[in-house]
Structures are given as C-alpha cells and as structure tokens.
Amino acid sequence: MSRLEAKKPSFCRSEPLTSERVRATLSVLKGIVTSCYGPAGRLKQLHNGLGGSVCTTSQSAALLANLPVTHPILKILTTSVQNHVSCFSDGGLFTAILCCNLVENVQRIGLTPTTVIKLNKQLLSLCTSYLKSEACGCRIPVNFSSTQILLCLVRSILTSKPACMLTTKEIDHISTLILRAFLLIIPENAQDHIILGKSIIVPLKRQRVIESTVLPGILIEISEVQLMKILPIKKSDSFKVALFCVSLSGDLSDTGEGNVVVSYGVSLENAVLDQLLNLGRQLVSDHVDLVLCQKVIHPSLKQFLRTHHVIAVDRVGVAVMEPLSKVTGTRPIGSLDSISPSSYGSVKDLCTAKFGFKHFFHIIPNEATVCSLLLCNRNDTAWDELKTRSEPEGILRDDGCTQTELQLITEAFCSALESLAGSLEHDGGEVLTDGKYGHFWSVQADSPSVVNWPDVLSRCGCGLYSSQEELSWSFLRSARLPFVPQTCLPCEATDSAGNLTLDCFTAKLSGLQVAVETANLILDLAYVIEDKN
C-alpha cells in the first residue's frame, strides 16, 4: 500500500500582477499571439514535449487549446478568448493581444487599478458607441444584390490562415463555395426576422482543394456495401421519410433503466424482434420510402424493409439529427410504439454520390435551407486549419492631478490599440497612418528615410484607398495633427476597390468588449489562491 501524504495547504498570493513570473509569462503569451496576427501572421508549431501530434497553426482557437497554461491569471485570459471564439469564430488574436496590451500598459504607468478600471469602462463605452453609430467610417455597407463585399470578407479570412496552404486560385474557389453555402441557407420566403438554415461541413482529406463543392441537402457517408444494398433507388415525385432517434437494434441496454418482468418460457430477444418487425410492418403499410436512424437498425429489420423496397440507413449520428429534421420536416421518433402519421416527413429526391474515395447518400430537400459543404484539402493539418469573432463615480481631485491621471490612463488605452495595429507588421517595416481617413499603411523595412510616400505606398491595409490621393502621413505612435473621423462610407466607395481585406464587424466589436472586460477583471484581482494538492 502506497504512503498517504498529508494534504498541503492552499497557497495564497497577494497582488499577483506584481510577480515577475506573471509579467514574463504574460509577455511570452503576447509575443506568441502577436506574431500570428494579421494577413502576414506567422505559423506556430505546438508540441507537448511528451509525444503526440504536432499542431501547426496561426488560429487562436487551435493555439490556445494546445498551449499548456497553468497560472490562474493566464487561464482567465485564455478562457475569455476561447469563449469569444466559440461564439463568433473570429477575432481571437485581436482580443488576446488587446487584453495583454491593456494589462501591460497599466503595469507600466503604475496607477491604482480601481481608477483605471472605471476609465477603461468609459473609454470602451465611447468606442462602442462610435462603432455602432451611423457616423462610423470603419464599417463597410453590404449590398446583397452584389457578392463582391461578401467575397472579400471570406477571402480575407482564408488569406489570414497560412496553414491552410491555399493558392490564390484555391482561395477564390473556396470563397465562392462558402458564399454559395451561406446563400443556400437563407429561406426563399424570408420575413422581417430571418431564421437561417444550416451548413454542414463534410470532410474529405487528402484530396485536391479544387474538388471541393457545395450541394443542397445532406450528404451521409456510407460504406460501399451499404451503397450496393440501397441501389437501385426508384424514381418518385417525393419520398416519405421516418427519422428515428432511438436505437432499432433490439439491444435491451438501450431501453433505459428499470426492472423487466419476463414470463416463463418467453424469449426476450424474440419478443423485442417481433416488436421491431411490427414496427417495420407499420412503416410499410404507411408507404414510407426512407428510414433514417441515429443509432443501429437490427439486420432482420433492415432485411424486412429492403424486401419491401424501403431504404434503411442507420448510424447517421447525432450531429446531423437536427438538420435531418429540418430537411425532411419530420419529428424524430423516440419509441417503438405505434407511429403517429404527423411524425413522417418528405424529401424531394434521393441519390448516391462518390467524392474521392468516399461514398455518400444524398438527401435533396423540397426547400434548400440546409446544404453540405464538401471541403477538401491535401492533409489533416491543412484541413483542420481550413475548418477552423458609465461614467466614473466619486469626487474629482483638484489642482490638475485628476486631469493628468486621466490623461495617463487614456494614453495607456490608446497605446494598447496603437500597439495592436502595429502588430500587423511582421517584417521589421514601419507603419504609417494618413491624416484624412486614419487608415493603416505598411512601409517595407528597406525603404529610404527620406522619400515621397505616394511613390512607395500603393493602397492602405484594407485596400480601400490609394496613395495617389492627396494625403498626409505620419508614423504610428508619433505626434500627429488632430484627426476628424470620416462619416460612414457610401456604397460607391466600395465598388471602386477590387480586393478588400475585411473583418467581421460583430466579432471585432465583441472582441473589443471582451478584451477590455477581461483586462479589468485581471487588474481587479487582489489575491490568487492555488490548491497545491
């Protein structure tokens, strides 16, 4: 028997942000996420040091999931970012970098956290109010009669994922498919409140990216043996469908908990099989054409249904149950009792398909609000990457102390945003801003110190404006003239640019809020209690 150790007392640290270990670890985390940020972000290879696979990525979701974070403060930061990404699927690196910048800048100026937190909230409120206002020039109007802006958004996201290893032609192809999949899930008879359908990603690894496609309806992967048993499929105007979420295997373990009373001489297995066959007879008498089961169908029931020309597909999985219910209009059947006629649904057509080395059963709906995006890529790593957005209270102090303190905090907040913008430059170059639009302009590291900027610059970071306009430039983080934001862009301004780099507005706005709120939470920590057992 092993020796039992006495329980160790919990370890309590006061003012955790003053620890050099915390500051160093926070700086390392910031360096990792900063180097991955933006269209020119660098890749990272993550390995746990004890064996297992190597993760190659620049995405925040994969990055933070594979980083061994142990300190409670860093866990707060990474968990907040992961929760944001799980909701919006974008903006994780932006959120993490801004949060780190805010915490580091407050440590640098050395002011009391309480004052900083209150003013951070006020500055966040001002930022969000401006971003949501009609005067905001950061937003691009989307005209659904033209797909150009939507394509630019998708292309921007794909371009910023170098681990996908996509060529320009492949990026254009995947962008078009993703946009087509989005348009397919919009209902044709949309009212004021649109309820989008669902797009299902079907993986097909070790295939050419250009072979990816999008199809209306649902693709269910089946084996070649199952395929031969299904064929041929009779032609019909519509197919009646029954969808089961309960096992049809006859296994008693699927019946739930409780006592089973069996009379003497009665075979329990035969009794269950008889019930399954009775269910099959009802399905045949109700003229059902297709039986779909989330779990397993008993071989005898399968044979019975096949004899009566009813297609039976089992093991479809829980992931596609909701889309199947939407596509077929059925209510999933959860018992072996008599089936209500209202539980049945229908689909427009059924067929089989083969993509690469996989066989699929294709269910085509009457109204295409569900589609399948067949996503191909060369290897597992590239496919995984492709698959994966109040007023301060109290009395003000006199003699100018309050004003200078507010100035320091405001400069720290603005500096955090400036540093975030500078993180987009990864090759040692300089970052300029113009005095008219306030846009980002990147200058190569080998550019001469005295230069006519329009000769060196081409277009701004997002691609909307040209350097040939009459603009004045200044270096980021340097003194500049007062800047008056432009009003909301007209639609004509976006039509003149062919290749824009865009971000999801909702994800970016949420990322800003999460970053500031998480930084405030970290700054507000007075004690950290760790259980050492």
Foldseek 3Di string as FASTA:
>chain_A
DDDDDDFDAWDKDFPVLVDPVVLVVLVVVLVLLLQLDFLNHDWDWADPVPDDDIAIWSDLLVVLVRDPDDDPLVVLLSVLLNVLCVVVLDDSSVLSLLLSLLLVLCVVVVDALVVLLQVLVVVLVVVLVQLPDQFNAQDADDDVVDCQVQLLAQLLVVSSICLLVDDPVLSSQVSVQVVVQQVLQFFPPADPDTDGFEEAEDEDEQDDQNLWHKFFFDWFFDDPVLVVLLPDADDDQKAKEAEAAAAQALDPVRVDDDDDDDDPPDDSSVVSVVLSVVLLVLCLVVRHAEYEYCAYHHPVSCVVCSVSNHRYDYNRHPVCPVVVCVQFVADHDYDSDDDDPRRMGMARDWDWDDDDPIIIIGTHGPRRSYMYTHGYGNHDSSRVSVPGFDDDDDDDDDPCPRVVVSVSSVVSSVVSVLVSLVSNDNQQWFWKAWQAARFIWTAHNPDDPDDDVLVGTAATPFQQDGSPPPIDMDTRPDDDDDHDHGGYDDNVSVVVGRRGNDHDSRRHSVSSVSSSVSSSVSSPDGMDIGRPD
